[in-house]
Structures are given as C-alpha cells and as structure tokens.
Amino acid sequence: MSDHFFVVTGGPGAGKTSLITELARRGFHTIPESGRAIIREEMASGGDALPWADRTAYSERMLEQDLSAHSAAQAPSGAVIFDRGIPDIMGYLTLCGLPVPRHLTTAAKAARYNRRVFLAPYWDEIFTQDTERKQTRAEAEATCAVMRETYTALGYKITELPRADIATRADFVCAQLAI
C-alpha cells in the first residue's frame, strides 16, 4: 500500500479538479484525472474510446493511464494527491451497468492508496457541464453514491469534503493530512 497516496473522488462537477489545482499550488505533488485527458485525445484523433461511444475501451485506457500514474508516483516523497483513482473506473463501469472485468478488480486491489479517501459530495450550487463533462445532475449524484460504495467495499475510509470554497477545502485536506 502507498500510505502517501491520497485520492479525491466523487461525482462530476463537485470541485475535485479545482481542489487538486489548489493543492498543487500549495506545493503538493498531484496526479490529474486520466478521463479528461483521454476524452481530449480521443476527440482530437477521432477515436471512439469515449464515455458516450465505447465505454469499455474508455475504461481500459483509463486503467492503463492510472496504473502508469500510480507506478510513476512511487518516486516523489511526501503526499501525492490523485484526481480519482483506479477504483473510480470500477464505479464508472458499475454506474454504466457494465461488468467490472477481473483484471480491473485485481489492479484496484494491488495498486492501493492511503486508506483515507476524500469524497467531494454532489453540490448543486457548483455543478456545471462542459464539452467533456456531459453528465446530468442526476447522473452526478448517482456517480458520487457509486464512488462512495466502491471505495468502501474495497476497504477505504471515506472522508467527505465540506461544501465550501476551494481554500477552505484545501485547508481541510491539509488538516486531515496533519500538515
């Protein structure tokens, strides 16, 4: 297990990436969400490994990138903050009603993070959609619930982030990490 690896998870539009950006500004080593990068790459190349086209191919691309990021993050000392983790892929497939392949479950059990996982709860006041985030409010709420269930089932302890401005959320994470 990598005790210095911390995941921020939750539904889309809950402020995860904004929090990660603030934590990076404060000097933390951060790992961006793989899903958005894959969407940009696939849209630019005309590929179909997209959440609205080939969800299975999309999840396999995320797993490949997330395993690579997990491995590469072994080098830095100090806390490493991940914008989503490998279990998020399991939650995504569950949400889509697709089977979770055995190799994904094996990867999620092998490539561990700190037991404490930060969950950005659905927050209607800040939820927005964009060209890469097409989920509805109901889908965002359902995603948050599935991520909570998925991480809990894998033995992680959920710490819900406060519905507060980014600086306050970052202060909260720092306090939880005893920094």
N, C-alpha and C. Protein backbone atom coordinates (compact mmCIF):
# COMPACT_ATOMS: atom_id res chain seq x y z
N MET A 1 0.85 -1.19 0.00
CA MET A 1 0.00 0.00 0.00
C MET A 1 0.89 1.24 0.00
N SER A 2 0.41 2.26 -0.64
CA SER A 2 1.14 3.52 -0.67
C SER A 2 0.44 4.51 0.26
N ASP A 3 0.92 4.57 1.50
CA ASP A 3 0.29 5.42 2.51
C ASP A 3 0.34 6.90 2.19
N HIS A 4 1.24 7.30 1.31
CA HIS A 4 1.33 8.73 0.99
C HIS A 4 0.55 9.09 -0.28
N PHE A 5 -0.23 8.14 -0.81
CA PHE A 5 -1.09 8.39 -1.97
C PHE A 5 -2.52 8.65 -1.48
N PHE A 6 -3.05 9.83 -1.80
CA PHE A 6 -4.40 10.19 -1.38
C PHE A 6 -5.27 10.47 -2.61
N VAL A 7 -6.47 9.92 -2.60
CA VAL A 7 -7.40 10.09 -3.71
C VAL A 7 -8.48 11.09 -3.34
N VAL A 8 -8.83 11.92 -4.32
CA VAL A 8 -10.01 12.77 -4.23
C VAL A 8 -10.97 12.22 -5.29
N THR A 9 -12.14 11.79 -4.85
CA THR A 9 -13.12 11.20 -5.74
C THR A 9 -14.47 11.89 -5.54
N GLY A 10 -15.47 11.44 -6.28
CA GLY A 10 -16.81 11.99 -6.19
C GLY A 10 -17.42 12.06 -7.58
N GLY A 11 -18.55 12.71 -7.66
CA GLY A 11 -19.21 12.86 -8.96
C GLY A 11 -18.61 14.00 -9.76
N PRO A 12 -19.01 14.08 -11.02
CA PRO A 12 -18.53 15.19 -11.85
C PRO A 12 -19.08 16.52 -11.36
N GLY A 13 -18.29 17.56 -11.53
CA GLY A 13 -18.75 18.91 -11.19
C GLY A 13 -18.83 19.19 -9.70
N ALA A 14 -18.10 18.42 -8.89
CA ALA A 14 -18.15 18.60 -7.44
C ALA A 14 -16.95 19.36 -6.90
N GLY A 15 -16.07 19.85 -7.79
CA GLY A 15 -14.95 20.67 -7.37
C GLY A 15 -13.65 19.92 -7.12
N LYS A 16 -13.57 18.66 -7.56
CA LYS A 16 -12.36 17.86 -7.34
C LYS A 16 -11.14 18.49 -8.01
N THR A 17 -11.26 18.80 -9.29
CA THR A 17 -10.11 19.32 -10.03
C THR A 17 -9.69 20.69 -9.52
N SER A 18 -10.63 21.51 -9.14
CA SER A 18 -10.29 22.82 -8.56
C SER A 18 -9.51 22.65 -7.26
N LEU A 19 -9.93 21.67 -6.45
CA LEU A 19 -9.21 21.39 -5.21
C LEU A 19 -7.81 20.88 -5.51
N ILE A 20 -7.68 19.98 -6.45
CA ILE A 20 -6.36 19.43 -6.83
C ILE A 20 -5.45 20.56 -7.30
N THR A 21 -5.99 21.47 -8.09
CA THR A 21 -5.21 22.61 -8.59
C THR A 21 -4.70 23.46 -7.43
N GLU A 22 -5.56 23.71 -6.44
CA GLU A 22 -5.16 24.49 -5.27
C GLU A 22 -4.10 23.75 -4.45
N LEU A 23 -4.26 22.45 -4.30
CA LEU A 23 -3.26 21.68 -3.55
C LEU A 23 -1.92 21.68 -4.28
N ALA A 24 -1.94 21.64 -5.60
CA ALA A 24 -0.69 21.73 -6.38
C ALA A 24 -0.06 23.10 -6.17
N ARG A 25 -0.89 24.13 -6.15
CA ARG A 25 -0.38 25.49 -5.92
C ARG A 25 0.30 25.59 -4.56
N ARG A 26 -0.19 24.82 -3.60
CA ARG A 26 0.38 24.81 -2.25
C ARG A 26 1.61 23.90 -2.14
N GLY A 27 2.01 23.30 -3.22
CA GLY A 27 3.24 22.52 -3.23
C GLY A 27 3.10 21.01 -3.20
N PHE A 28 1.89 20.51 -3.22
CA PHE A 28 1.70 19.06 -3.24
C PHE A 28 1.99 18.51 -4.62
N HIS A 29 2.48 17.29 -4.66
CA HIS A 29 2.61 16.57 -5.94
C HIS A 29 1.21 16.05 -6.26
N THR A 30 0.69 16.37 -7.43
CA THR A 30 -0.66 15.96 -7.80
C THR A 30 -0.65 15.18 -9.11
N ILE A 31 -1.64 14.31 -9.25
CA ILE A 31 -1.82 13.49 -10.45
C ILE A 31 -3.19 13.84 -11.03
N PRO A 32 -3.23 14.34 -12.28
CA PRO A 32 -4.51 14.72 -12.86
C PRO A 32 -5.39 13.51 -13.20
N GLU A 33 -6.67 13.77 -13.34
CA GLU A 33 -7.63 12.75 -13.74
C GLU A 33 -7.31 12.27 -15.15
N SER A 34 -7.28 10.97 -15.35
CA SER A 34 -6.97 10.42 -16.68
C SER A 34 -8.14 10.57 -17.65
N GLY A 35 -9.35 10.50 -17.15
CA GLY A 35 -10.53 10.51 -18.03
C GLY A 35 -10.60 11.71 -18.95
N ARG A 36 -10.39 12.90 -18.41
CA ARG A 36 -10.47 14.11 -19.24
C ARG A 36 -9.38 14.12 -20.32
N ALA A 37 -8.18 13.70 -19.97
CA ALA A 37 -7.10 13.67 -20.95
C ALA A 37 -7.43 12.69 -22.08
N ILE A 38 -7.98 11.56 -21.73
CA ILE A 38 -8.36 10.57 -22.74
C ILE A 38 -9.45 11.13 -23.65
N ILE A 39 -10.43 11.79 -23.07
CA ILE A 39 -11.50 12.39 -23.88
C ILE A 39 -10.92 13.39 -24.87
N ARG A 40 -10.03 14.25 -24.40
CA ARG A 40 -9.40 15.24 -25.31
C ARG A 40 -8.62 14.55 -26.42
N GLU A 41 -7.83 13.53 -26.06
CA GLU A 41 -7.04 12.79 -27.05
C GLU A 41 -7.93 12.10 -28.08
N GLU A 42 -8.96 11.43 -27.59
CA GLU A 42 -9.85 10.69 -28.49
C GLU A 42 -10.63 11.63 -29.41
N MET A 43 -11.07 12.76 -28.86
CA MET A 43 -11.80 13.73 -29.69
C MET A 43 -10.88 14.32 -30.76
N ALA A 44 -9.63 14.60 -30.40
CA ALA A 44 -8.67 15.17 -31.35
C ALA A 44 -8.31 14.17 -32.45
N SER A 45 -8.25 12.89 -32.10
CA SER A 45 -7.83 11.88 -33.08
C SER A 45 -9.00 11.22 -33.79
N GLY A 46 -10.21 11.54 -33.38
CA GLY A 46 -11.39 10.91 -33.99
C GLY A 46 -11.62 9.50 -33.46
N GLY A 47 -11.01 9.18 -32.31
CA GLY A 47 -11.16 7.86 -31.71
C GLY A 47 -12.51 7.69 -31.04
N ASP A 48 -12.82 6.46 -30.63
CA ASP A 48 -14.11 6.21 -30.00
C ASP A 48 -14.01 5.66 -28.58
N ALA A 49 -12.82 5.72 -27.96
CA ALA A 49 -12.68 5.32 -26.56
C ALA A 49 -13.18 6.48 -25.70
N LEU A 50 -14.49 6.69 -25.78
CA LEU A 50 -15.15 7.83 -25.14
C LEU A 50 -16.32 7.33 -24.30
N PRO A 51 -16.67 8.05 -23.23
CA PRO A 51 -17.78 7.59 -22.40
C PRO A 51 -19.12 7.59 -23.11
N TRP A 52 -19.25 8.28 -24.22
CA TRP A 52 -20.51 8.28 -24.96
C TRP A 52 -20.41 7.45 -26.24
N ALA A 53 -19.29 6.73 -26.41
CA ALA A 53 -19.12 5.88 -27.59
C ALA A 53 -18.79 4.45 -27.15
N ASP A 54 -17.53 4.16 -26.84
CA ASP A 54 -17.11 2.82 -26.43
C ASP A 54 -16.62 2.88 -24.98
N ARG A 55 -17.54 2.66 -24.07
CA ARG A 55 -17.24 2.79 -22.64
C ARG A 55 -16.21 1.77 -22.16
N THR A 56 -16.22 0.58 -22.75
CA THR A 56 -15.25 -0.43 -22.35
C THR A 56 -13.85 -0.01 -22.77
N ALA A 57 -13.70 0.46 -23.99
CA ALA A 57 -12.38 0.94 -24.45
C ALA A 57 -11.93 2.13 -23.62
N TYR A 58 -12.86 3.02 -23.30
CA TYR A 58 -12.55 4.18 -22.47
C TYR A 58 -12.04 3.73 -21.10
N SER A 59 -12.70 2.75 -20.48
CA SER A 59 -12.28 2.28 -19.16
C SER A 59 -10.91 1.60 -19.24
N GLU A 60 -10.62 0.88 -20.30
CA GLU A 60 -9.31 0.24 -20.45
C GLU A 60 -8.21 1.29 -20.61
N ARG A 61 -8.49 2.34 -21.34
CA ARG A 61 -7.50 3.43 -21.48
C ARG A 61 -7.25 4.10 -20.13
N MET A 62 -8.33 4.31 -19.36
CA MET A 62 -8.16 4.91 -18.03
C MET A 62 -7.32 4.00 -17.14
N LEU A 63 -7.59 2.69 -17.18
CA LEU A 63 -6.83 1.76 -16.34
C LEU A 63 -5.35 1.81 -16.71
N GLU A 64 -5.05 1.79 -17.97
CA GLU A 64 -3.66 1.85 -18.42
C GLU A 64 -2.97 3.11 -17.90
N GLN A 65 -3.63 4.26 -18.06
CA GLN A 65 -3.03 5.52 -17.60
C GLN A 65 -2.94 5.59 -16.08
N ASP A 66 -3.97 5.11 -15.38
CA ASP A 66 -3.97 5.17 -13.92
C ASP A 66 -2.91 4.25 -13.31
N LEU A 67 -2.72 3.07 -13.89
CA LEU A 67 -1.66 2.18 -13.40
C LEU A 67 -0.29 2.80 -13.63
N SER A 68 -0.11 3.42 -14.77
CA SER A 68 1.15 4.09 -15.08
C SER A 68 1.40 5.24 -14.10
N ALA A 69 0.36 6.04 -13.83
CA ALA A 69 0.49 7.16 -12.90
C ALA A 69 0.79 6.66 -11.49
N HIS A 70 0.13 5.59 -11.07
CA HIS A 70 0.36 5.02 -9.74
C HIS A 70 1.80 4.57 -9.61
N SER A 71 2.31 3.91 -10.62
CA SER A 71 3.69 3.44 -10.62
C SER A 71 4.68 4.60 -10.61
N ALA A 72 4.44 5.59 -11.46
CA ALA A 72 5.35 6.74 -11.56
C ALA A 72 5.36 7.57 -10.28
N ALA A 73 4.26 7.58 -9.55
CA ALA A 73 4.15 8.39 -8.34
C ALA A 73 4.91 7.79 -7.16
N GLN A 74 5.47 6.61 -7.32
CA GLN A 74 6.22 5.99 -6.23
C GLN A 74 7.47 6.80 -5.88
N ALA A 75 8.01 7.52 -6.87
CA ALA A 75 9.27 8.25 -6.67
C ALA A 75 9.16 9.44 -5.72
N PRO A 76 8.17 10.33 -5.88
CA PRO A 76 8.13 11.50 -5.00
C PRO A 76 7.95 11.13 -3.53
N SER A 77 8.58 11.91 -2.67
CA SER A 77 8.34 11.72 -1.24
C SER A 77 7.25 12.71 -0.83
N GLY A 78 6.64 12.46 0.27
CA GLY A 78 5.54 13.32 0.71
C GLY A 78 4.23 12.89 0.08
N ALA A 79 3.18 13.58 0.46
CA ALA A 79 1.85 13.22 -0.02
C ALA A 79 1.72 13.45 -1.52
N VAL A 80 1.05 12.51 -2.18
CA VAL A 80 0.71 12.62 -3.59
C VAL A 80 -0.81 12.58 -3.65
N ILE A 81 -1.39 13.58 -4.31
CA ILE A 81 -2.85 13.69 -4.37
C ILE A 81 -3.31 13.32 -5.78
N PHE A 82 -4.17 12.31 -5.87
CA PHE A 82 -4.70 11.83 -7.15
C PHE A 82 -6.10 12.38 -7.39
N ASP A 83 -6.34 12.91 -8.57
CA ASP A 83 -7.68 13.30 -9.01
C ASP A 83 -8.31 12.04 -9.58
N ARG A 84 -8.99 11.31 -8.72
CA ARG A 84 -9.58 10.00 -8.98
C ARG A 84 -8.52 8.91 -8.91
N GLY A 85 -8.96 7.69 -8.62
CA GLY A 85 -8.07 6.54 -8.53
C GLY A 85 -8.62 5.38 -9.33
N ILE A 86 -7.91 4.28 -9.32
CA ILE A 86 -8.30 3.10 -10.08
C ILE A 86 -9.70 2.62 -9.69
N PRO A 87 -10.10 2.63 -8.41
CA PRO A 87 -11.46 2.21 -8.07
C PRO A 87 -12.55 3.06 -8.76
N ASP A 88 -12.22 4.28 -9.14
CA ASP A 88 -13.20 5.10 -9.86
C ASP A 88 -13.63 4.44 -11.16
N ILE A 89 -12.72 3.71 -11.79
CA ILE A 89 -13.06 3.02 -13.04
C ILE A 89 -14.08 1.93 -12.76
N MET A 90 -13.91 1.22 -11.65
CA MET A 90 -14.89 0.21 -11.25
C MET A 90 -16.25 0.85 -11.02
N GLY A 91 -16.25 1.99 -10.33
CA GLY A 91 -17.50 2.70 -10.08
C GLY A 91 -18.15 3.16 -11.37
N TYR A 92 -17.32 3.64 -12.31
CA TYR A 92 -17.82 4.10 -13.60
C TYR A 92 -18.52 2.95 -14.34
N LEU A 93 -17.87 1.80 -14.41
CA LEU A 93 -18.47 0.66 -15.11
C LEU A 93 -19.76 0.21 -14.42
N THR A 94 -19.75 0.19 -13.09
CA THR A 94 -20.95 -0.18 -12.34
C THR A 94 -22.09 0.78 -12.65
N LEU A 95 -21.78 2.06 -12.66
CA LEU A 95 -22.78 3.09 -12.97
C LEU A 95 -23.36 2.90 -14.37
N CYS A 96 -22.52 2.47 -15.30
CA CYS A 96 -22.95 2.26 -16.68
C CYS A 96 -23.67 0.92 -16.87
N GLY A 97 -23.73 0.10 -15.82
CA GLY A 97 -24.37 -1.20 -15.95
C GLY A 97 -23.51 -2.21 -16.70
N LEU A 98 -22.20 -1.95 -16.75
CA LEU A 98 -21.27 -2.85 -17.44
C LEU A 98 -20.53 -3.71 -16.43
N PRO A 99 -20.13 -4.91 -16.84
CA PRO A 99 -19.39 -5.76 -15.90
C PRO A 99 -18.01 -5.18 -15.60
N VAL A 100 -17.56 -5.41 -14.38
CA VAL A 100 -16.22 -4.99 -13.98
C VAL A 100 -15.30 -6.18 -14.24
N PRO A 101 -14.37 -6.04 -15.20
CA PRO A 101 -13.50 -7.18 -15.51
C PRO A 101 -12.61 -7.57 -14.33
N ARG A 102 -12.30 -8.85 -14.26
CA ARG A 102 -11.49 -9.38 -13.16
C ARG A 102 -10.14 -8.66 -13.07
N HIS A 103 -9.52 -8.37 -14.23
CA HIS A 103 -8.20 -7.72 -14.20
C HIS A 103 -8.27 -6.31 -13.61
N LEU A 104 -9.42 -5.65 -13.73
CA LEU A 104 -9.59 -4.32 -13.13
C LEU A 104 -9.71 -4.45 -11.61
N THR A 105 -10.49 -5.42 -11.15
CA THR A 105 -10.62 -5.65 -9.71
C THR A 105 -9.27 -6.01 -9.11
N THR A 106 -8.51 -6.86 -9.81
CA THR A 106 -7.18 -7.24 -9.35
C THR A 106 -6.27 -6.02 -9.26
N ALA A 107 -6.32 -5.17 -10.28
CA ALA A 107 -5.49 -3.95 -10.29
C ALA A 107 -5.87 -3.02 -9.14
N ALA A 108 -7.17 -2.87 -8.88
CA ALA A 108 -7.63 -1.99 -7.80
C ALA A 108 -7.20 -2.51 -6.43
N LYS A 109 -7.11 -3.82 -6.30
CA LYS A 109 -6.68 -4.39 -5.02
C LYS A 109 -5.17 -4.36 -4.86
N ALA A 110 -4.44 -4.37 -5.97
CA ALA A 110 -2.97 -4.39 -5.91
C ALA A 110 -2.38 -2.98 -5.83
N ALA A 111 -2.91 -2.05 -6.60
CA ALA A 111 -2.39 -0.68 -6.63
C ALA A 111 -3.21 0.15 -5.64
N ARG A 112 -2.82 0.10 -4.39
CA ARG A 112 -3.59 0.73 -3.32
C ARG A 112 -3.17 2.17 -3.08
N TYR A 113 -4.06 2.87 -2.41
CA TYR A 113 -3.84 4.25 -1.99
C TYR A 113 -3.97 4.27 -0.47
N ASN A 114 -3.75 5.43 0.14
CA ASN A 114 -3.98 5.58 1.56
C ASN A 114 -5.42 5.19 1.87
N ARG A 115 -5.63 4.62 3.02
CA ARG A 115 -6.97 4.16 3.40
C ARG A 115 -7.98 5.31 3.44
N ARG A 116 -7.51 6.52 3.69
CA ARG A 116 -8.40 7.69 3.73
C ARG A 116 -8.59 8.21 2.30
N VAL A 117 -9.83 8.25 1.87
CA VAL A 117 -10.17 8.76 0.54
C VAL A 117 -11.08 9.97 0.73
N PHE A 118 -10.75 11.06 0.05
CA PHE A 118 -11.56 12.28 0.14
C PHE A 118 -12.64 12.25 -0.91
N LEU A 119 -13.88 12.43 -0.48
CA LEU A 119 -15.04 12.42 -1.37
C LEU A 119 -15.60 13.83 -1.49
N ALA A 120 -15.63 14.33 -2.72
CA ALA A 120 -16.29 15.61 -2.99
C ALA A 120 -17.76 15.30 -3.24
N PRO A 121 -18.63 15.68 -2.32
CA PRO A 121 -20.05 15.34 -2.46
C PRO A 121 -20.71 16.14 -3.58
N TYR A 122 -21.80 15.58 -4.12
CA TYR A 122 -22.55 16.33 -5.11
C TYR A 122 -22.97 17.66 -4.47
N TRP A 123 -22.82 18.73 -5.24
CA TRP A 123 -23.12 20.06 -4.72
C TRP A 123 -23.78 20.84 -5.84
N ASP A 124 -25.08 20.97 -5.77
CA ASP A 124 -25.87 21.57 -6.84
C ASP A 124 -25.40 22.97 -7.21
N GLU A 125 -24.99 23.75 -6.23
CA GLU A 125 -24.62 25.15 -6.47
C GLU A 125 -23.39 25.31 -7.37
N ILE A 126 -22.52 24.30 -7.42
CA ILE A 126 -21.32 24.44 -8.25
C ILE A 126 -21.31 23.52 -9.47
N PHE A 127 -22.31 22.63 -9.58
CA PHE A 127 -22.34 21.68 -10.69
C PHE A 127 -22.48 22.41 -12.03
N THR A 128 -21.61 22.06 -12.97
CA THR A 128 -21.69 22.59 -14.33
C THR A 128 -21.36 21.47 -15.31
N GLN A 129 -21.79 21.66 -16.54
CA GLN A 129 -21.46 20.74 -17.63
C GLN A 129 -20.54 21.48 -18.59
N ASP A 130 -19.75 20.71 -19.36
CA ASP A 130 -18.91 21.30 -20.40
C ASP A 130 -18.74 20.28 -21.53
N THR A 131 -17.82 20.54 -22.44
CA THR A 131 -17.67 19.65 -23.60
C THR A 131 -17.18 18.26 -23.21
N GLU A 132 -16.51 18.13 -22.08
CA GLU A 132 -16.01 16.84 -21.63
C GLU A 132 -16.88 16.25 -20.52
N ARG A 133 -17.62 17.08 -19.82
CA ARG A 133 -18.49 16.64 -18.73
C ARG A 133 -19.93 16.82 -19.19
N LYS A 134 -20.52 15.73 -19.65
CA LYS A 134 -21.86 15.80 -20.22
C LYS A 134 -22.94 15.21 -19.29
N GLN A 135 -22.54 14.74 -18.11
CA GLN A 135 -23.49 14.11 -17.21
C GLN A 135 -24.53 15.12 -16.71
N THR A 136 -25.72 14.59 -16.44
CA THR A 136 -26.79 15.40 -15.86
C THR A 136 -26.57 15.49 -14.35
N ARG A 137 -27.37 16.33 -13.72
CA ARG A 137 -27.29 16.45 -12.26
C ARG A 137 -27.59 15.10 -11.59
N ALA A 138 -28.59 14.40 -12.08
CA ALA A 138 -28.95 13.10 -11.50
C ALA A 138 -27.80 12.10 -11.67
N GLU A 139 -27.14 12.11 -12.81
CA GLU A 139 -26.00 11.22 -13.03
C GLU A 139 -24.83 11.59 -12.12
N ALA A 140 -24.65 12.89 -11.88
CA ALA A 140 -23.58 13.34 -10.99
C ALA A 140 -23.84 12.85 -9.56
N GLU A 141 -25.07 12.94 -9.11
CA GLU A 141 -25.42 12.45 -7.77
C GLU A 141 -25.22 10.94 -7.68
N ALA A 142 -25.66 10.23 -8.71
CA ALA A 142 -25.51 8.76 -8.73
C ALA A 142 -24.03 8.38 -8.74
N THR A 143 -23.21 9.13 -9.48
CA THR A 143 -21.78 8.85 -9.54
C THR A 143 -21.15 9.00 -8.15
N CYS A 144 -21.50 10.04 -7.46
CA CYS A 144 -20.98 10.25 -6.11
C CYS A 144 -21.32 9.06 -5.21
N ALA A 145 -22.57 8.61 -5.27
CA ALA A 145 -23.01 7.48 -4.44
C ALA A 145 -22.25 6.20 -4.80
N VAL A 146 -22.05 5.95 -6.09
CA VAL A 146 -21.33 4.75 -6.53
C VAL A 146 -19.87 4.80 -6.10
N MET A 147 -19.26 5.97 -6.17
CA MET A 147 -17.85 6.07 -5.75
C MET A 147 -17.72 5.80 -4.25
N ARG A 148 -18.64 6.32 -3.47
CA ARG A 148 -18.64 6.05 -2.02
C ARG A 148 -18.73 4.54 -1.78
N GLU A 149 -19.68 3.88 -2.45
CA GLU A 149 -19.89 2.44 -2.28
C GLU A 149 -18.67 1.64 -2.75
N THR A 150 -18.11 2.01 -3.89
CA THR A 150 -16.97 1.26 -4.46
C THR A 150 -15.76 1.33 -3.55
N TYR A 151 -15.39 2.54 -3.13
CA TYR A 151 -14.22 2.68 -2.26
C TYR A 151 -14.45 2.00 -0.91
N THR A 152 -15.64 2.13 -0.36
CA THR A 152 -15.94 1.50 0.92
C THR A 152 -15.83 -0.03 0.81
N ALA A 153 -16.35 -0.59 -0.28
CA ALA A 153 -16.28 -2.04 -0.48
C ALA A 153 -14.84 -2.53 -0.60
N LEU A 154 -13.94 -1.66 -1.04
CA LEU A 154 -12.53 -2.03 -1.16
C LEU A 154 -11.73 -1.75 0.12
N GLY A 155 -12.43 -1.35 1.19
CA GLY A 155 -11.78 -1.16 2.48
C GLY A 155 -11.26 0.24 2.75
N TYR A 156 -11.63 1.20 1.92
CA TYR A 156 -11.19 2.58 2.15
C TYR A 156 -12.15 3.27 3.11
N LYS A 157 -11.63 4.28 3.80
CA LYS A 157 -12.43 5.09 4.73
C LYS A 157 -12.73 6.42 4.04
N ILE A 158 -13.99 6.73 3.90
CA ILE A 158 -14.40 7.94 3.20
C ILE A 158 -14.38 9.14 4.15
N THR A 159 -13.73 10.20 3.72
CA THR A 159 -13.75 11.48 4.42
C THR A 159 -14.40 12.47 3.46
N GLU A 160 -15.61 12.90 3.80
CA GLU A 160 -16.34 13.81 2.92
C GLU A 160 -15.80 15.23 3.06
N LEU A 161 -15.55 15.85 1.91
CA LEU A 161 -15.08 17.24 1.90
C LEU A 161 -16.24 18.17 2.24
N PRO A 162 -15.94 19.27 2.89
CA PRO A 162 -17.02 20.23 3.19
C PRO A 162 -17.48 20.93 1.91
N ARG A 163 -18.73 21.31 1.90
CA ARG A 163 -19.24 22.13 0.79
C ARG A 163 -18.86 23.57 1.11
N ALA A 164 -17.66 23.91 0.67
CA ALA A 164 -17.08 25.21 1.00
C ALA A 164 -16.18 25.65 -0.16
N ASP A 165 -15.69 26.88 -0.07
CA ASP A 165 -14.81 27.39 -1.13
C ASP A 165 -13.53 26.56 -1.20
N ILE A 166 -12.82 26.72 -2.30
CA ILE A 166 -11.63 25.89 -2.56
C ILE A 166 -10.56 26.04 -1.48
N ALA A 167 -10.30 27.25 -1.02
CA ALA A 167 -9.28 27.45 0.02
C ALA A 167 -9.65 26.69 1.29
N THR A 168 -10.92 26.75 1.68
CA THR A 168 -11.38 26.06 2.88
C THR A 168 -11.26 24.55 2.70
N ARG A 169 -11.60 24.06 1.52
CA ARG A 169 -11.47 22.62 1.24
C ARG A 169 -9.99 22.21 1.30
N ALA A 170 -9.12 23.02 0.73
CA ALA A 170 -7.69 22.70 0.75
C ALA A 170 -7.17 22.71 2.19
N ASP A 171 -7.61 23.68 2.98
CA ASP A 171 -7.22 23.74 4.40
C ASP A 171 -7.69 22.47 5.11
N PHE A 172 -8.89 22.01 4.79
CA PHE A 172 -9.46 20.80 5.39
C PHE A 172 -8.60 19.59 5.06
N VAL A 173 -8.22 19.45 3.79
CA VAL A 173 -7.38 18.32 3.38
C VAL A 173 -6.04 18.38 4.11
N CYS A 174 -5.43 19.55 4.14
CA CYS A 174 -4.14 19.71 4.82
C CYS A 174 -4.24 19.32 6.28
N ALA A 175 -5.33 19.73 6.93
CA ALA A 175 -5.52 19.39 8.35
C ALA A 175 -5.69 17.87 8.52
N GLN A 176 -6.39 17.22 7.58
CA GLN A 176 -6.59 15.78 7.65
C GLN A 176 -5.27 15.03 7.45
N LEU A 177 -4.38 15.62 6.66
CA LEU A 177 -3.08 15.01 6.41
C LEU A 177 -2.07 15.40 7.49
N ALA A 178 -2.54 16.22 8.46
CA ALA A 178 -1.70 16.71 9.57
C ALA A 178 -0.47 17.44 9.07
N ILE A 179 -0.72 18.32 8.08
CA ILE A 179 0.38 19.12 7.51
C ILE A 179 0.26 20.55 7.98
